[in-house]
Amino acid sequence: MGAEKAGRKIAVEIKGFIGASLLNDLEEALGQFVLYRSLLAQVEPERMVYLAVGEEIFDQIFTDPGGQIVLKETHLRLIVVRFAAEEIVRWIE
């Protein structure tokens, strides 16, 4: 999904993490994020890629030390969403 945030162009990949394994879902989401970021860097370099995840998934994965390493090492940009209320809780750049 393409959008704009404060005049900047962004692309958002929304992931539900509904598979049997959080680790497999994370691997898939990270792979897609890196792929989209690499492709857009060539064709639309001004567009920043974000991964949107639910607040519960953020709390389960990205608040522990391993999740923090993933955020840092992959330069992952996250949008944390409270899906039931349809509101953005946090932007992580």
C-alpha atoms as a PDB file:
ATOM      1  CA  MET A   1       0.000   0.000   0.000  1.00  0.00           C
ATOM      2  CA  GLY A   2       1.375   3.423  -0.919  1.00  0.00           C
ATOM      3  CA  ALA A   3       0.729   6.529   1.156  1.00  0.00           C
ATOM      4  CA  GLU A   4       2.243   9.796   2.310  1.00  0.00           C
ATOM      5  CA  LYS A   5       3.349  10.764   5.810  1.00  0.00           C
ATOM      6  CA  ALA A   6       4.159  14.417   6.438  1.00  0.00           C
ATOM      7  CA  GLY A   7       4.841  14.935   2.739  1.00  0.00           C
ATOM      8  CA  ARG A   8       7.074  11.850   2.457  1.00  0.00           C
ATOM      9  CA  LYS A   9       6.155   8.935   0.230  1.00  0.00           C
ATOM     10  CA  ILE A  10       5.901   5.613   2.011  1.00  0.00           C
ATOM     11  CA  ALA A  11       5.007   2.030   1.160  1.00  0.00           C
ATOM     12  CA  VAL A  12       3.409  -0.114   3.850  1.00  0.00           C
ATOM     13  CA  GLU A  13       3.410  -3.915   3.983  1.00  0.00           C
ATOM     14  CA  ILE A  14       0.746  -5.069   6.460  1.00  0.00           C
ATOM     15  CA  LYS A  15       1.403  -8.425   8.143  1.00  0.00           C
ATOM     16  CA  GLY A  16      -1.023 -10.307  10.345  1.00  0.00           C
ATOM     17  CA  PHE A  17       1.331 -12.982  11.739  1.00  0.00           C
ATOM     18  CA  ILE A  18      -1.449 -15.583  11.668  1.00  0.00           C
ATOM     19  CA  GLY A  19       0.633 -18.618  10.710  1.00  0.00           C
ATOM     20  CA  ALA A  20       1.455 -21.569  12.928  1.00  0.00           C
ATOM     21  CA  SER A  21       4.848 -20.094  13.877  1.00  0.00           C
ATOM     22  CA  LEU A  22       5.750 -16.526  14.800  1.00  0.00           C
ATOM     23  CA  LEU A  23       9.317 -17.216  13.691  1.00  0.00           C
ATOM     24  CA  ASN A  24       8.200 -18.333  10.214  1.00  0.00           C
ATOM     25  CA  ASP A  25       5.895 -15.333   9.926  1.00  0.00           C
ATOM     26  CA  LEU A  26       8.758 -13.046  10.969  1.00  0.00           C
ATOM     27  CA  GLU A  27      11.105 -14.612   8.412  1.00  0.00           C
ATOM     28  CA  GLU A  28       8.535 -14.100   5.661  1.00  0.00           C
ATOM     29  CA  ALA A  29       7.782 -10.521   6.712  1.00  0.00           C
ATOM     30  CA  LEU A  30      11.475  -9.605   6.895  1.00  0.00           C
ATOM     31  CA  GLY A  31      12.137 -11.179   3.506  1.00  0.00           C
ATOM     32  CA  GLN A  32       9.314  -9.210   1.929  1.00  0.00           C
ATOM     33  CA  PHE A  33      10.434  -6.005   3.635  1.00  0.00           C
ATOM     34  CA  VAL A  34      14.020  -6.373   2.375  1.00  0.00           C
ATOM     35  CA  LEU A  35      12.826  -7.306  -1.123  1.00  0.00           C
ATOM     36  CA  TYR A  36      10.450  -4.336  -1.386  1.00  0.00           C
ATOM     37  CA  ARG A  37      13.033  -1.950   0.072  1.00  0.00           C
ATOM     38  CA  SER A  38      15.654  -3.137  -2.436  1.00  0.00           C
ATOM     39  CA  LEU A  39      13.325  -2.882  -5.428  1.00  0.00           C
ATOM     40  CA  LEU A  40      11.914   0.499  -4.472  1.00  0.00           C
ATOM     41  CA  ALA A  41      15.417   1.864  -3.889  1.00  0.00           C
ATOM     42  CA  GLN A  42      15.983   1.397  -7.609  1.00  0.00           C
ATOM     43  CA  VAL A  43      12.658   2.538  -9.071  1.00  0.00           C
ATOM     44  CA  GLU A  44      11.328   4.976  -6.468  1.00  0.00           C
ATOM     45  CA  PRO A  45      14.189   5.847  -4.095  1.00  0.00           C
ATOM     46  CA  GLU A  46      12.258   8.593  -2.307  1.00  0.00           C
ATOM     47  CA  ARG A  47       9.653   6.072  -1.060  1.00  0.00           C
ATOM     48  CA  MET A  48      10.371   4.580   2.388  1.00  0.00           C
ATOM     49  CA  VAL A  49       9.151   1.060   3.184  1.00  0.00           C
ATOM     50  CA  TYR A  50       7.429   0.248   6.475  1.00  0.00           C
ATOM     51  CA  LEU A  51       6.179  -3.016   7.934  1.00  0.00           C
ATOM     52  CA  ALA A  52       2.860  -2.672   9.781  1.00  0.00           C
ATOM     53  CA  VAL A  53       2.236  -5.108  12.635  1.00  0.00           C
ATOM     54  CA  GLY A  54      -0.333  -5.386  15.383  1.00  0.00           C
ATOM     55  CA  GLU A  55       0.454  -4.116  18.845  1.00  0.00           C
ATOM     56  CA  GLU A  56       0.334  -7.655  20.269  1.00  0.00           C
ATOM     57  CA  ILE A  57       2.878  -8.922  17.724  1.00  0.00           C
ATOM     58  CA  PHE A  58       5.135  -5.978  18.448  1.00  0.00           C
ATOM     59  CA  ASP A  59       4.997  -6.778  22.158  1.00  0.00           C
ATOM     60  CA  GLN A  60       5.664 -10.488  21.554  1.00  0.00           C
ATOM     61  CA  ILE A  61       8.546 -10.097  19.118  1.00  0.00           C
ATOM     62  CA  PHE A  62      10.166  -6.683  19.072  1.00  0.00           C
ATOM     63  CA  THR A  63      10.373  -5.788  22.763  1.00  0.00           C
ATOM     64  CA  ASP A  64      12.743  -8.620  23.695  1.00  0.00           C
ATOM     65  CA  PRO A  65      16.524  -8.443  23.067  1.00  0.00           C
ATOM     66  CA  GLY A  66      16.331 -10.665  19.966  1.00  0.00           C
ATOM     67  CA  GLY A  67      13.633  -8.500  18.438  1.00  0.00           C
ATOM     68  CA  GLN A  68      15.644  -5.373  19.182  1.00  0.00           C
ATOM     69  CA  ILE A  69      18.599  -6.895  17.321  1.00  0.00           C
ATOM     70  CA  VAL A  70      16.359  -7.596  14.324  1.00  0.00           C
ATOM     71  CA  LEU A  71      15.142  -3.987  14.314  1.00  0.00           C
ATOM     72  CA  LYS A  72      18.670  -2.626  14.481  1.00  0.00           C
ATOM     73  CA  GLU A  73      20.401  -4.980  12.060  1.00  0.00           C
ATOM     74  CA  THR A  74      17.730  -4.932   9.338  1.00  0.00           C
ATOM     75  CA  HIS A  75      17.003  -1.194   9.688  1.00  0.00           C
ATOM     76  CA  LEU A  76      13.366  -2.237   9.889  1.00  0.00           C
ATOM     77  CA  ARG A  77      10.835   0.567   9.883  1.00  0.00           C
ATOM     78  CA  LEU A  78       7.691  -0.403  11.770  1.00  0.00           C
ATOM     79  CA  ILE A  79       4.203   0.944  12.123  1.00  0.00           C
ATOM     80  CA  VAL A  80       2.592  -0.549  15.213  1.00  0.00           C
ATOM     81  CA  VAL A  81      -1.185  -0.697  14.834  1.00  0.00           C
ATOM     82  CA  ARG A  82      -4.091  -1.328  17.174  1.00  0.00           C
ATOM     83  CA  PHE A  83      -6.172  -3.048  14.503  1.00  0.00           C
ATOM     84  CA  ALA A  84      -9.463  -3.216  16.447  1.00  0.00           C
ATOM     85  CA  ALA A  85      -9.453   0.563  16.922  1.00  0.00           C
ATOM     86  CA  GLU A  86      -7.874   1.171  13.495  1.00  0.00           C
ATOM     87  CA  GLU A  87      -5.243   3.442  15.003  1.00  0.00           C
ATOM     88  CA  ILE A  88      -1.485   3.759  14.728  1.00  0.00           C
ATOM     89  CA  VAL A  89       0.126   3.332  18.122  1.00  0.00           C
ATOM     90  CA  ARG A  90       3.764   3.895  17.205  1.00  0.00           C
ATOM     91  CA  TRP A  91       6.143   4.678  14.323  1.00  0.00           C
ATOM     92  CA  ILE A  92       9.618   3.159  14.559  1.00  0.00           C
ATOM     93  CA  GLU A  93      12.182   4.491  12.105  1.00  0.00           C
END
